[in-house]
N, C-alpha and C. Protein backbone atom coordinates (compact mmCIF):
# COMPACT_ATOMS: atom_id res chain seq x y z
N MET A 1 -24.85 -17.83 -53.88
CA MET A 1 -24.03 -18.89 -54.40
C MET A 1 -22.64 -18.36 -54.75
N ARG A 2 -22.58 -17.11 -55.15
CA ARG A 2 -21.29 -16.53 -55.51
C ARG A 2 -20.36 -16.46 -54.31
N SER A 3 -20.89 -16.12 -53.15
CA SER A 3 -20.03 -16.01 -51.97
C SER A 3 -19.46 -17.38 -51.57
N TRP A 4 -20.25 -18.45 -51.69
CA TRP A 4 -19.75 -19.79 -51.40
C TRP A 4 -18.64 -20.17 -52.37
N GLY A 5 -18.81 -19.79 -53.63
CA GLY A 5 -17.79 -20.08 -54.63
C GLY A 5 -16.49 -19.36 -54.33
N ILE A 6 -16.59 -18.12 -53.90
CA ILE A 6 -15.39 -17.34 -53.57
C ILE A 6 -14.71 -17.92 -52.34
N TYR A 7 -15.50 -18.33 -51.34
CA TYR A 7 -14.91 -18.96 -50.14
C TYR A 7 -14.16 -20.23 -50.51
N CYS A 8 -14.76 -21.05 -51.36
CA CYS A 8 -14.10 -22.29 -51.78
C CYS A 8 -12.81 -21.99 -52.53
N LEU A 9 -12.82 -20.98 -53.39
CA LEU A 9 -11.61 -20.60 -54.11
C LEU A 9 -10.51 -20.14 -53.16
N VAL A 10 -10.87 -19.33 -52.19
CA VAL A 10 -9.88 -18.81 -51.24
C VAL A 10 -9.27 -19.95 -50.44
N PHE A 11 -10.10 -20.85 -49.93
CA PHE A 11 -9.58 -21.97 -49.15
C PHE A 11 -8.76 -22.92 -50.01
N GLY A 12 -9.21 -23.17 -51.24
CA GLY A 12 -8.47 -24.06 -52.12
C GLY A 12 -7.11 -23.51 -52.52
N ILE A 13 -7.08 -22.25 -52.93
CA ILE A 13 -5.81 -21.63 -53.32
C ILE A 13 -4.90 -21.47 -52.10
N GLY A 14 -5.49 -21.10 -50.97
CA GLY A 14 -4.71 -20.97 -49.74
C GLY A 14 -4.10 -22.29 -49.30
N ALA A 15 -4.83 -23.38 -49.54
CA ALA A 15 -4.30 -24.69 -49.16
C ALA A 15 -3.09 -25.08 -49.99
N PHE A 16 -2.96 -24.51 -51.18
CA PHE A 16 -1.77 -24.76 -51.99
C PHE A 16 -0.62 -23.82 -51.63
N ILE A 17 -0.94 -22.56 -51.31
CA ILE A 17 0.09 -21.55 -51.10
C ILE A 17 0.64 -21.54 -49.67
N LEU A 18 -0.22 -21.69 -48.67
CA LEU A 18 0.21 -21.59 -47.28
C LEU A 18 1.30 -22.59 -46.87
N PRO A 19 1.26 -23.85 -47.32
CA PRO A 19 2.33 -24.77 -46.93
C PRO A 19 3.72 -24.33 -47.40
N MET A 20 3.79 -23.54 -48.46
CA MET A 20 5.07 -23.01 -48.93
C MET A 20 5.68 -22.03 -47.92
N MET A 21 4.82 -21.45 -47.09
CA MET A 21 5.26 -20.51 -46.07
C MET A 21 5.29 -21.14 -44.69
N GLY A 22 5.08 -22.45 -44.62
CA GLY A 22 5.12 -23.15 -43.34
C GLY A 22 3.85 -23.03 -42.52
N MET A 23 2.73 -22.68 -43.15
CA MET A 23 1.45 -22.55 -42.45
C MET A 23 0.40 -23.42 -43.13
N GLN A 24 -0.76 -23.53 -42.50
CA GLN A 24 -1.86 -24.27 -43.09
C GLN A 24 -3.14 -23.90 -42.37
N PHE A 25 -4.26 -23.96 -43.08
CA PHE A 25 -5.56 -23.79 -42.44
C PHE A 25 -5.76 -24.99 -41.51
N SER A 26 -6.09 -24.75 -40.27
CA SER A 26 -6.20 -25.85 -39.31
C SER A 26 -7.32 -26.82 -39.67
N ILE A 27 -8.42 -26.32 -40.23
CA ILE A 27 -9.52 -27.21 -40.58
C ILE A 27 -9.14 -28.11 -41.75
N LEU A 28 -8.35 -27.60 -42.68
CA LEU A 28 -7.94 -28.41 -43.83
C LEU A 28 -6.77 -29.33 -43.50
N ALA A 29 -6.05 -29.05 -42.43
CA ALA A 29 -4.93 -29.90 -42.03
C ALA A 29 -5.41 -31.28 -41.58
N LEU A 30 -6.69 -31.41 -41.29
CA LEU A 30 -7.25 -32.69 -40.88
C LEU A 30 -7.20 -33.73 -42.00
N PHE A 31 -7.09 -33.27 -43.25
CA PHE A 31 -7.08 -34.18 -44.38
C PHE A 31 -5.72 -34.81 -44.64
N GLY A 32 -4.68 -34.31 -44.00
CA GLY A 32 -3.35 -34.91 -44.07
C GLY A 32 -2.81 -35.02 -45.48
N GLU A 33 -2.50 -36.25 -45.89
CA GLU A 33 -1.88 -36.49 -47.19
C GLU A 33 -2.83 -36.22 -48.36
N ALA A 34 -4.11 -36.23 -48.12
CA ALA A 34 -5.09 -35.99 -49.18
C ALA A 34 -5.35 -34.51 -49.42
N LEU A 35 -4.63 -33.65 -48.74
CA LEU A 35 -4.88 -32.22 -48.84
C LEU A 35 -4.79 -31.67 -50.26
N PRO A 36 -3.81 -32.06 -51.07
CA PRO A 36 -3.79 -31.51 -52.44
C PRO A 36 -5.04 -31.86 -53.25
N PHE A 37 -5.59 -33.05 -53.05
CA PHE A 37 -6.81 -33.44 -53.75
C PHE A 37 -8.01 -32.64 -53.25
N VAL A 38 -8.07 -32.43 -51.95
CA VAL A 38 -9.16 -31.65 -51.37
C VAL A 38 -9.06 -30.20 -51.83
N ALA A 39 -7.86 -29.66 -51.86
CA ALA A 39 -7.66 -28.28 -52.31
C ALA A 39 -8.06 -28.14 -53.77
N GLY A 40 -7.68 -29.10 -54.59
CA GLY A 40 -8.07 -29.07 -56.00
C GLY A 40 -9.57 -29.14 -56.17
N ALA A 41 -10.22 -29.98 -55.38
CA ALA A 41 -11.68 -30.10 -55.44
C ALA A 41 -12.35 -28.80 -55.00
N LEU A 42 -11.80 -28.14 -53.99
CA LEU A 42 -12.35 -26.86 -53.55
C LEU A 42 -12.23 -25.79 -54.63
N ILE A 43 -11.10 -25.79 -55.32
CA ILE A 43 -10.91 -24.82 -56.39
C ILE A 43 -11.90 -25.06 -57.52
N VAL A 44 -12.06 -26.31 -57.92
CA VAL A 44 -13.01 -26.64 -59.00
C VAL A 44 -14.43 -26.29 -58.57
N LEU A 45 -14.79 -26.63 -57.35
CA LEU A 45 -16.13 -26.31 -56.85
C LEU A 45 -16.34 -24.80 -56.81
N GLY A 46 -15.33 -24.07 -56.37
CA GLY A 46 -15.43 -22.61 -56.33
C GLY A 46 -15.62 -22.00 -57.70
N VAL A 47 -14.88 -22.50 -58.68
CA VAL A 47 -15.02 -21.99 -60.05
C VAL A 47 -16.41 -22.29 -60.59
N VAL A 48 -16.89 -23.50 -60.36
CA VAL A 48 -18.22 -23.88 -60.85
C VAL A 48 -19.31 -23.04 -60.20
N LEU A 49 -19.26 -22.89 -58.89
CA LEU A 49 -20.28 -22.09 -58.19
C LEU A 49 -20.25 -20.64 -58.62
N THR A 50 -19.06 -20.09 -58.78
CA THR A 50 -18.95 -18.69 -59.19
C THR A 50 -19.46 -18.52 -60.62
N ALA A 51 -19.11 -19.44 -61.50
CA ALA A 51 -19.58 -19.35 -62.89
C ALA A 51 -21.09 -19.49 -62.97
N LEU A 52 -21.66 -20.41 -62.20
CA LEU A 52 -23.12 -20.58 -62.21
C LEU A 52 -23.83 -19.37 -61.64
N SER A 53 -23.21 -18.68 -60.70
CA SER A 53 -23.87 -17.51 -60.11
C SER A 53 -23.97 -16.37 -61.12
N PHE A 54 -23.08 -16.33 -62.11
CA PHE A 54 -23.16 -15.29 -63.13
C PHE A 54 -24.23 -15.64 -64.18
N LYS A 55 -24.56 -16.91 -64.33
CA LYS A 55 -25.58 -17.32 -65.30
C LYS A 55 -26.99 -17.16 -64.76
N GLN A 56 -27.14 -17.09 -63.43
CA GLN A 56 -28.46 -16.94 -62.83
C GLN A 56 -29.00 -15.55 -63.08
N PRO A 57 -30.29 -15.44 -63.29
CA PRO A 57 -30.88 -14.08 -63.37
C PRO A 57 -30.82 -13.41 -62.00
N GLN A 58 -30.56 -12.13 -62.00
CA GLN A 58 -30.44 -11.39 -60.75
C GLN A 58 -31.81 -11.26 -60.09
N GLN A 59 -31.84 -11.50 -58.78
CA GLN A 59 -33.09 -11.40 -58.03
C GLN A 59 -33.22 -9.99 -57.46
N ALA A 60 -34.44 -9.50 -57.41
CA ALA A 60 -34.68 -8.14 -56.91
C ALA A 60 -34.79 -8.10 -55.43
């Protein structure tokens, strides 16, 4: 679950930063004008998944 959270964080933060450099993730560019909302949702989801992964007991 931690790896999914980190992926969501990377895509969410990247979706905010890359347009400043004139680039964008092609898969996220499909959302068009809703991209800031999708990026924000990815960041929140990533934080939640990463936080929950630290609360889980470690599996052997």
